[in-house]
Amino acid sequence: MNIELTPLVKSLSGVIQLPSDFDYKEDYTAFLIKKYEYKKVE
């Protein structure tokens, strides 16, 4: 499989550094829970 990278993707490569053990699923789950948490309206 040979995928050609666009100039935009090449420019964004290396912009952010994440730990090698970063769990994106856990992070995204926490984001969604916070975003959609129930807030009681008084």
N, C-alpha and C. Protein backbone atom coordinates (compact mmCIF):
# COMPACT_ATOMS: atom_id res chain seq x y z
N MET A 1 0.84 -1.17 0.00
CA MET A 1 0.00 0.00 0.00
C MET A 1 0.89 1.24 0.00
N ASN A 2 0.73 2.08 -0.99
CA ASN A 2 1.54 3.28 -1.11
C ASN A 2 0.61 4.49 -1.07
N ILE A 3 0.66 5.24 0.03
CA ILE A 3 -0.21 6.40 0.19
C ILE A 3 0.64 7.66 0.07
N GLU A 4 0.24 8.54 -0.83
CA GLU A 4 0.98 9.79 -1.00
C GLU A 4 0.45 10.82 -0.02
N LEU A 5 1.36 11.46 0.72
CA LEU A 5 0.96 12.47 1.69
C LEU A 5 0.84 13.82 1.01
N THR A 6 -0.22 14.54 1.36
CA THR A 6 -0.42 15.87 0.80
C THR A 6 0.50 16.86 1.53
N PRO A 7 0.75 18.01 0.94
CA PRO A 7 1.57 19.02 1.61
C PRO A 7 1.03 19.41 3.00
N LEU A 8 -0.29 19.45 3.14
CA LEU A 8 -0.89 19.80 4.43
C LEU A 8 -0.53 18.75 5.49
N VAL A 9 -0.67 17.49 5.14
CA VAL A 9 -0.35 16.42 6.08
C VAL A 9 1.13 16.46 6.43
N LYS A 10 1.96 16.69 5.46
CA LYS A 10 3.40 16.78 5.72
C LYS A 10 3.72 17.93 6.65
N SER A 11 3.03 19.07 6.50
CA SER A 11 3.30 20.22 7.35
C SER A 11 2.82 19.99 8.78
N LEU A 12 1.81 19.16 8.95
CA LEU A 12 1.29 18.89 10.29
C LEU A 12 2.05 17.78 11.01
N SER A 13 2.80 17.01 10.29
CA SER A 13 3.55 15.91 10.91
C SER A 13 4.52 16.45 11.93
N GLY A 14 4.46 15.90 13.13
CA GLY A 14 5.38 16.30 14.19
C GLY A 14 4.96 17.54 14.96
N VAL A 15 3.76 18.06 14.71
CA VAL A 15 3.30 19.25 15.41
C VAL A 15 3.02 18.94 16.87
N ILE A 16 2.52 17.76 17.15
CA ILE A 16 2.18 17.38 18.52
C ILE A 16 2.96 16.12 18.90
N GLN A 17 3.45 16.10 20.13
CA GLN A 17 4.18 14.94 20.62
C GLN A 17 3.35 14.24 21.69
N LEU A 18 3.06 12.98 21.48
CA LEU A 18 2.29 12.20 22.44
C LEU A 18 3.16 11.09 23.01
N PRO A 19 2.89 10.70 24.26
CA PRO A 19 3.63 9.58 24.84
C PRO A 19 3.36 8.30 24.04
N SER A 20 4.30 7.39 24.03
CA SER A 20 4.13 6.16 23.26
C SER A 20 2.99 5.30 23.80
N ASP A 21 2.63 5.47 25.07
CA ASP A 21 1.54 4.68 25.66
C ASP A 21 0.21 5.44 25.69
N PHE A 22 0.09 6.50 24.90
CA PHE A 22 -1.14 7.30 24.86
C PHE A 22 -2.30 6.45 24.34
N ASP A 23 -3.41 6.45 25.10
CA ASP A 23 -4.60 5.68 24.72
C ASP A 23 -5.67 6.65 24.21
N TYR A 24 -5.74 6.82 22.90
CA TYR A 24 -6.67 7.79 22.33
C TYR A 24 -8.12 7.42 22.59
N LYS A 25 -8.42 6.12 22.69
CA LYS A 25 -9.80 5.71 22.94
C LYS A 25 -10.25 6.13 24.34
N GLU A 26 -9.39 5.97 25.31
CA GLU A 26 -9.71 6.38 26.68
C GLU A 26 -9.89 7.89 26.76
N ASP A 27 -9.01 8.62 26.11
CA ASP A 27 -9.08 10.08 26.10
C ASP A 27 -10.36 10.56 25.42
N TYR A 28 -10.71 9.97 24.30
CA TYR A 28 -11.91 10.38 23.57
C TYR A 28 -13.16 10.01 24.35
N THR A 29 -13.16 8.87 25.03
CA THR A 29 -14.29 8.47 25.86
C THR A 29 -14.52 9.50 26.96
N ALA A 30 -13.44 9.92 27.63
CA ALA A 30 -13.55 10.93 28.69
C ALA A 30 -14.09 12.24 28.11
N PHE A 31 -13.64 12.62 26.93
CA PHE A 31 -14.13 13.83 26.27
C PHE A 31 -15.63 13.76 26.02
N LEU A 32 -16.10 12.62 25.49
CA LEU A 32 -17.53 12.47 25.19
C LEU A 32 -18.37 12.46 26.45
N ILE A 33 -17.88 11.80 27.50
CA ILE A 33 -18.63 11.77 28.77
C ILE A 33 -18.79 13.19 29.30
N LYS A 34 -17.73 13.96 29.27
CA LYS A 34 -17.81 15.34 29.76
C LYS A 34 -18.71 16.19 28.87
N LYS A 35 -18.62 16.00 27.57
CA LYS A 35 -19.41 16.80 26.64
C LYS A 35 -20.90 16.56 26.80
N TYR A 36 -21.29 15.31 27.00
CA TYR A 36 -22.70 14.96 27.04
C TYR A 36 -23.21 14.65 28.45
N GLU A 37 -22.48 15.08 29.48
CA GLU A 37 -22.95 14.80 30.83
C GLU A 37 -24.26 15.53 31.10
N TYR A 38 -25.06 14.92 31.93
CA TYR A 38 -26.36 15.45 32.27
C TYR A 38 -26.21 16.62 33.21
N LYS A 39 -26.80 17.74 32.88
CA LYS A 39 -26.78 18.91 33.73
C LYS A 39 -28.20 19.29 34.09
N LYS A 40 -28.49 19.26 35.39
CA LYS A 40 -29.83 19.56 35.86
C LYS A 40 -30.09 21.06 35.72
N VAL A 41 -31.22 21.40 35.12
CA VAL A 41 -31.61 22.79 34.95
C VAL A 41 -32.55 23.15 36.07
N GLU A 42 -32.23 24.21 36.79
CA GLU A 42 -33.10 24.62 37.91
C GLU A 42 -33.86 25.86 37.58
